[in-house]
Amino acid sequence: MKTLTNAAAAATVLALMGGAALAADMAMAKTHAPQEKCYGIAKAGQNDCAAGAGTTCAGTSKVDYDGKMFKDVAKGTCVTIKTPNGMGSLTPKS
């Protein structure tokens, strides 16, 4: 009976490890999907990087929907993203 319990425990651990590995592979696939920079859609502090004078990089935006800041989005979706200031842009806005 003890051997059967140990075998069941080992099988459970292996199944959980396999599930975790699959989840990690799926997360990697999402991050490697084609992306594009989309300007003017980031909320303050949520930009991926910056463009223009006086900016550095990720998380530095002080204004919602700053046209000089971008977020990486799935390729082909940028210009369909609507904000209170208009649609997303593939180029920096002034």
N, C-alpha and C. Protein backbone atom coordinates (compact mmCIF):
# COMPACT_ATOMS: atom_id res chain seq x y z
N MET A 1 0.83 -1.18 0.00
CA MET A 1 0.00 0.00 0.00
C MET A 1 0.88 1.25 0.00
N LYS A 2 1.98 1.20 0.77
CA LYS A 2 2.88 2.35 0.85
C LYS A 2 3.50 2.62 -0.52
N THR A 3 3.86 1.58 -1.25
CA THR A 3 4.45 1.75 -2.58
C THR A 3 3.45 2.39 -3.53
N LEU A 4 2.19 1.98 -3.44
CA LEU A 4 1.14 2.54 -4.27
C LEU A 4 0.94 4.03 -3.96
N THR A 5 0.98 4.40 -2.69
CA THR A 5 0.83 5.80 -2.27
C THR A 5 2.00 6.63 -2.77
N ASN A 6 3.23 6.10 -2.65
CA ASN A 6 4.41 6.81 -3.14
C ASN A 6 4.35 6.99 -4.65
N ALA A 7 3.91 5.96 -5.36
CA ALA A 7 3.80 6.05 -6.81
C ALA A 7 2.77 7.09 -7.22
N ALA A 8 1.66 7.15 -6.51
CA ALA A 8 0.62 8.14 -6.81
C ALA A 8 1.13 9.55 -6.53
N ALA A 9 1.86 9.71 -5.45
CA ALA A 9 2.43 11.02 -5.12
C ALA A 9 3.43 11.44 -6.18
N ALA A 10 4.27 10.52 -6.62
CA ALA A 10 5.25 10.83 -7.65
C ALA A 10 4.57 11.20 -8.96
N ALA A 11 3.52 10.48 -9.31
CA ALA A 11 2.78 10.78 -10.54
C ALA A 11 2.14 12.16 -10.47
N THR A 12 1.62 12.52 -9.31
CA THR A 12 1.02 13.83 -9.12
C THR A 12 2.05 14.94 -9.28
N VAL A 13 3.20 14.75 -8.67
CA VAL A 13 4.27 15.75 -8.77
C VAL A 13 4.71 15.91 -10.23
N LEU A 14 4.88 14.81 -10.95
CA LEU A 14 5.28 14.87 -12.35
C LEU A 14 4.22 15.57 -13.20
N ALA A 15 2.96 15.30 -12.92
CA ALA A 15 1.88 15.96 -13.68
C ALA A 15 1.89 17.46 -13.43
N LEU A 16 2.08 17.87 -12.19
CA LEU A 16 2.13 19.29 -11.86
C LEU A 16 3.33 19.97 -12.52
N MET A 17 4.47 19.29 -12.52
CA MET A 17 5.66 19.85 -13.16
C MET A 17 5.44 20.01 -14.66
N GLY A 18 4.80 19.03 -15.27
CA GLY A 18 4.50 19.11 -16.70
C GLY A 18 3.56 20.26 -17.01
N GLY A 19 2.57 20.46 -16.17
CA GLY A 19 1.64 21.58 -16.35
C GLY A 19 2.34 22.92 -16.21
N ALA A 20 3.25 23.02 -15.25
CA ALA A 20 4.00 24.26 -15.05
C ALA A 20 4.90 24.54 -16.24
N ALA A 21 5.52 23.50 -16.78
CA ALA A 21 6.38 23.67 -17.94
C ALA A 21 5.57 24.12 -19.16
N LEU A 22 4.39 23.56 -19.33
CA LEU A 22 3.52 23.94 -20.44
C LEU A 22 3.09 25.40 -20.30
N ALA A 23 2.74 25.80 -19.09
CA ALA A 23 2.34 27.19 -18.86
C ALA A 23 3.49 28.14 -19.16
N ALA A 24 4.69 27.78 -18.79
CA ALA A 24 5.85 28.62 -19.07
C ALA A 24 6.10 28.71 -20.57
N ASP A 25 5.95 27.60 -21.28
CA ASP A 25 6.11 27.62 -22.74
C ASP A 25 5.07 28.51 -23.40
N MET A 26 3.83 28.47 -22.91
CA MET A 26 2.77 29.30 -23.48
C MET A 26 3.04 30.78 -23.21
N ALA A 27 3.54 31.10 -22.03
CA ALA A 27 3.87 32.49 -21.71
C ALA A 27 4.99 32.99 -22.61
N MET A 28 5.99 32.17 -22.86
CA MET A 28 7.09 32.55 -23.75
C MET A 28 6.58 32.77 -25.17
N ALA A 29 5.64 31.95 -25.61
CA ALA A 29 5.10 32.11 -26.96
C ALA A 29 4.39 33.45 -27.10
N LYS A 30 3.67 33.87 -26.06
CA LYS A 30 2.99 35.15 -26.10
C LYS A 30 3.97 36.30 -26.17
N THR A 31 5.05 36.24 -25.41
CA THR A 31 6.00 37.34 -25.40
C THR A 31 6.82 37.39 -26.67
N HIS A 32 6.86 36.31 -27.43
CA HIS A 32 7.62 36.29 -28.67
C HIS A 32 6.73 36.51 -29.89
N ALA A 33 5.44 36.75 -29.68
CA ALA A 33 4.54 37.05 -30.80
C ALA A 33 4.96 38.40 -31.39
N PRO A 34 4.75 38.59 -32.68
CA PRO A 34 5.12 39.87 -33.29
C PRO A 34 4.47 41.05 -32.58
N GLN A 35 5.28 42.04 -32.26
CA GLN A 35 4.82 43.22 -31.53
C GLN A 35 5.12 44.47 -32.34
N GLU A 36 4.43 45.56 -32.00
CA GLU A 36 4.74 46.85 -32.58
C GLU A 36 4.59 47.92 -31.51
N LYS A 37 5.32 49.01 -31.68
CA LYS A 37 5.23 50.14 -30.76
C LYS A 37 3.97 50.92 -31.08
N CYS A 38 3.18 51.20 -30.05
CA CYS A 38 1.95 51.95 -30.24
C CYS A 38 2.00 53.18 -29.34
N TYR A 39 2.04 54.34 -29.97
CA TYR A 39 2.18 55.62 -29.26
C TYR A 39 0.82 56.17 -28.86
N GLY A 40 0.81 56.83 -27.69
CA GLY A 40 -0.37 57.53 -27.23
C GLY A 40 -1.42 56.70 -26.55
N ILE A 41 -1.10 55.46 -26.16
CA ILE A 41 -2.11 54.60 -25.52
C ILE A 41 -1.80 54.28 -24.07
N ALA A 42 -0.60 54.63 -23.61
CA ALA A 42 -0.17 54.23 -22.27
C ALA A 42 -0.71 55.17 -21.20
N LYS A 43 -1.17 54.60 -20.12
CA LYS A 43 -1.53 55.39 -18.95
C LYS A 43 -0.24 55.82 -18.25
N ALA A 44 -0.32 56.87 -17.43
CA ALA A 44 0.84 57.36 -16.70
C ALA A 44 1.52 56.23 -15.94
N GLY A 45 2.84 56.12 -16.13
CA GLY A 45 3.63 55.11 -15.43
C GLY A 45 3.54 53.72 -16.01
N GLN A 46 2.81 53.54 -17.11
CA GLN A 46 2.63 52.20 -17.68
C GLN A 46 3.21 52.07 -19.08
N ASN A 47 4.00 53.05 -19.51
CA ASN A 47 4.61 52.95 -20.84
C ASN A 47 5.74 51.93 -20.85
N ASP A 48 5.98 51.34 -22.01
CA ASP A 48 7.07 50.37 -22.14
C ASP A 48 8.41 51.06 -22.33
N CYS A 49 8.43 52.15 -23.04
CA CYS A 49 9.65 52.93 -23.18
C CYS A 49 9.25 54.32 -23.62
N ALA A 50 10.20 55.12 -24.06
CA ALA A 50 9.91 56.51 -24.32
C ALA A 50 10.53 56.99 -25.60
N ALA A 51 10.03 58.11 -26.08
CA ALA A 51 10.61 58.77 -27.25
C ALA A 51 10.59 60.26 -26.99
N GLY A 52 11.66 60.93 -27.31
CA GLY A 52 11.69 62.38 -27.18
C GLY A 52 12.53 62.87 -26.03
N ALA A 53 12.77 64.16 -26.06
CA ALA A 53 13.60 64.81 -25.04
C ALA A 53 12.95 64.74 -23.67
N GLY A 54 13.76 64.59 -22.64
CA GLY A 54 13.28 64.59 -21.27
C GLY A 54 12.66 63.29 -20.81
N THR A 55 12.79 62.23 -21.59
CA THR A 55 12.23 60.95 -21.20
C THR A 55 13.34 59.91 -21.14
N THR A 56 13.13 58.88 -20.38
CA THR A 56 14.12 57.81 -20.29
C THR A 56 13.52 56.52 -20.80
N CYS A 57 12.89 55.76 -19.94
CA CYS A 57 12.34 54.50 -20.43
C CYS A 57 11.13 54.05 -19.62
N ALA A 58 10.93 52.76 -19.57
CA ALA A 58 9.71 52.15 -19.04
C ALA A 58 9.24 52.74 -17.72
N GLY A 59 7.94 53.02 -17.69
CA GLY A 59 7.29 53.47 -16.46
C GLY A 59 7.52 54.92 -16.11
N THR A 60 8.06 55.73 -17.02
CA THR A 60 8.40 57.12 -16.69
C THR A 60 7.35 58.13 -17.12
N SER A 61 6.35 57.71 -17.86
CA SER A 61 5.34 58.65 -18.33
C SER A 61 4.60 59.26 -17.15
N LYS A 62 4.43 60.56 -17.19
CA LYS A 62 3.74 61.28 -16.11
C LYS A 62 2.30 61.63 -16.50
N VAL A 63 1.95 61.41 -17.77
CA VAL A 63 0.65 61.82 -18.29
C VAL A 63 -0.02 60.63 -18.98
N ASP A 64 -1.32 60.48 -18.77
CA ASP A 64 -2.06 59.46 -19.49
C ASP A 64 -2.06 59.77 -20.98
N TYR A 65 -1.87 58.76 -21.79
CA TYR A 65 -1.97 58.84 -23.25
C TYR A 65 -1.00 59.84 -23.88
N ASP A 66 0.19 59.98 -23.32
CA ASP A 66 1.21 60.86 -23.88
C ASP A 66 1.59 60.35 -25.27
N GLY A 67 1.49 61.19 -26.26
CA GLY A 67 1.76 60.80 -27.64
C GLY A 67 3.20 60.47 -27.94
N LYS A 68 4.11 60.80 -27.02
CA LYS A 68 5.53 60.48 -27.22
C LYS A 68 5.91 59.16 -26.57
N MET A 69 5.02 58.57 -25.80
CA MET A 69 5.29 57.32 -25.09
C MET A 69 4.60 56.17 -25.81
N PHE A 70 5.22 54.99 -25.75
CA PHE A 70 4.59 53.85 -26.39
C PHE A 70 4.47 52.66 -25.47
N LYS A 71 3.59 51.75 -25.88
CA LYS A 71 3.46 50.43 -25.29
C LYS A 71 3.61 49.45 -26.44
N ASP A 72 4.19 48.30 -26.16
CA ASP A 72 4.25 47.24 -27.15
C ASP A 72 2.90 46.52 -27.17
N VAL A 73 2.36 46.36 -28.36
CA VAL A 73 1.08 45.67 -28.53
C VAL A 73 1.22 44.65 -29.65
N ALA A 74 0.27 43.76 -29.75
CA ALA A 74 0.28 42.76 -30.83
C ALA A 74 0.27 43.46 -32.18
N LYS A 75 1.11 42.98 -33.07
CA LYS A 75 1.23 43.58 -34.40
C LYS A 75 -0.14 43.63 -35.07
N GLY A 76 -0.45 44.80 -35.66
CA GLY A 76 -1.70 44.98 -36.36
C GLY A 76 -2.85 45.51 -35.53
N THR A 77 -2.62 45.72 -34.21
CA THR A 77 -3.72 46.17 -33.35
C THR A 77 -3.63 47.64 -32.93
N CYS A 78 -2.48 48.26 -33.10
CA CYS A 78 -2.25 49.60 -32.57
C CYS A 78 -3.32 50.60 -33.01
N VAL A 79 -3.51 50.73 -34.29
CA VAL A 79 -4.41 51.77 -34.80
C VAL A 79 -5.88 51.49 -34.52
N THR A 80 -6.18 50.34 -33.91
CA THR A 80 -7.56 50.03 -33.54
C THR A 80 -7.83 50.32 -32.06
N ILE A 81 -6.79 50.74 -31.32
CA ILE A 81 -6.94 51.00 -29.89
C ILE A 81 -7.42 52.44 -29.69
N LYS A 82 -8.61 52.58 -29.08
CA LYS A 82 -9.22 53.89 -28.89
C LYS A 82 -8.92 54.40 -27.47
N THR A 83 -8.53 55.67 -27.38
CA THR A 83 -8.29 56.32 -26.09
C THR A 83 -9.13 57.59 -26.04
N PRO A 84 -9.22 58.25 -24.89
CA PRO A 84 -9.94 59.53 -24.84
C PRO A 84 -9.31 60.60 -25.75
N ASN A 85 -8.04 60.40 -26.15
CA ASN A 85 -7.36 61.37 -27.02
C ASN A 85 -7.34 60.93 -28.47
N GLY A 86 -8.04 59.89 -28.81
CA GLY A 86 -8.05 59.38 -30.19
C GLY A 86 -7.51 57.97 -30.26
N MET A 87 -7.12 57.59 -31.46
CA MET A 87 -6.64 56.23 -31.69
C MET A 87 -5.14 56.13 -31.47
N GLY A 88 -4.65 54.90 -31.25
CA GLY A 88 -3.23 54.66 -31.13
C GLY A 88 -2.54 55.00 -32.44
N SER A 89 -1.23 55.25 -32.36
CA SER A 89 -0.47 55.65 -33.54
C SER A 89 0.82 54.85 -33.64
N LEU A 90 1.22 54.52 -34.86
CA LEU A 90 2.48 53.81 -35.08
C LEU A 90 3.68 54.77 -35.05
N THR A 91 3.43 56.05 -35.01
CA THR A 91 4.49 57.05 -34.94
C THR A 91 4.21 57.99 -33.76
N PRO A 92 5.26 58.57 -33.18
CA PRO A 92 5.05 59.48 -32.05
C PRO A 92 4.15 60.66 -32.45
N LYS A 93 3.31 61.07 -31.51
CA LYS A 93 2.44 62.23 -31.70
C LYS A 93 3.01 63.38 -30.90
N SER A 94 2.76 64.61 -31.35
CA SER A 94 3.24 65.75 -30.56
C SER A 94 2.23 66.18 -29.53
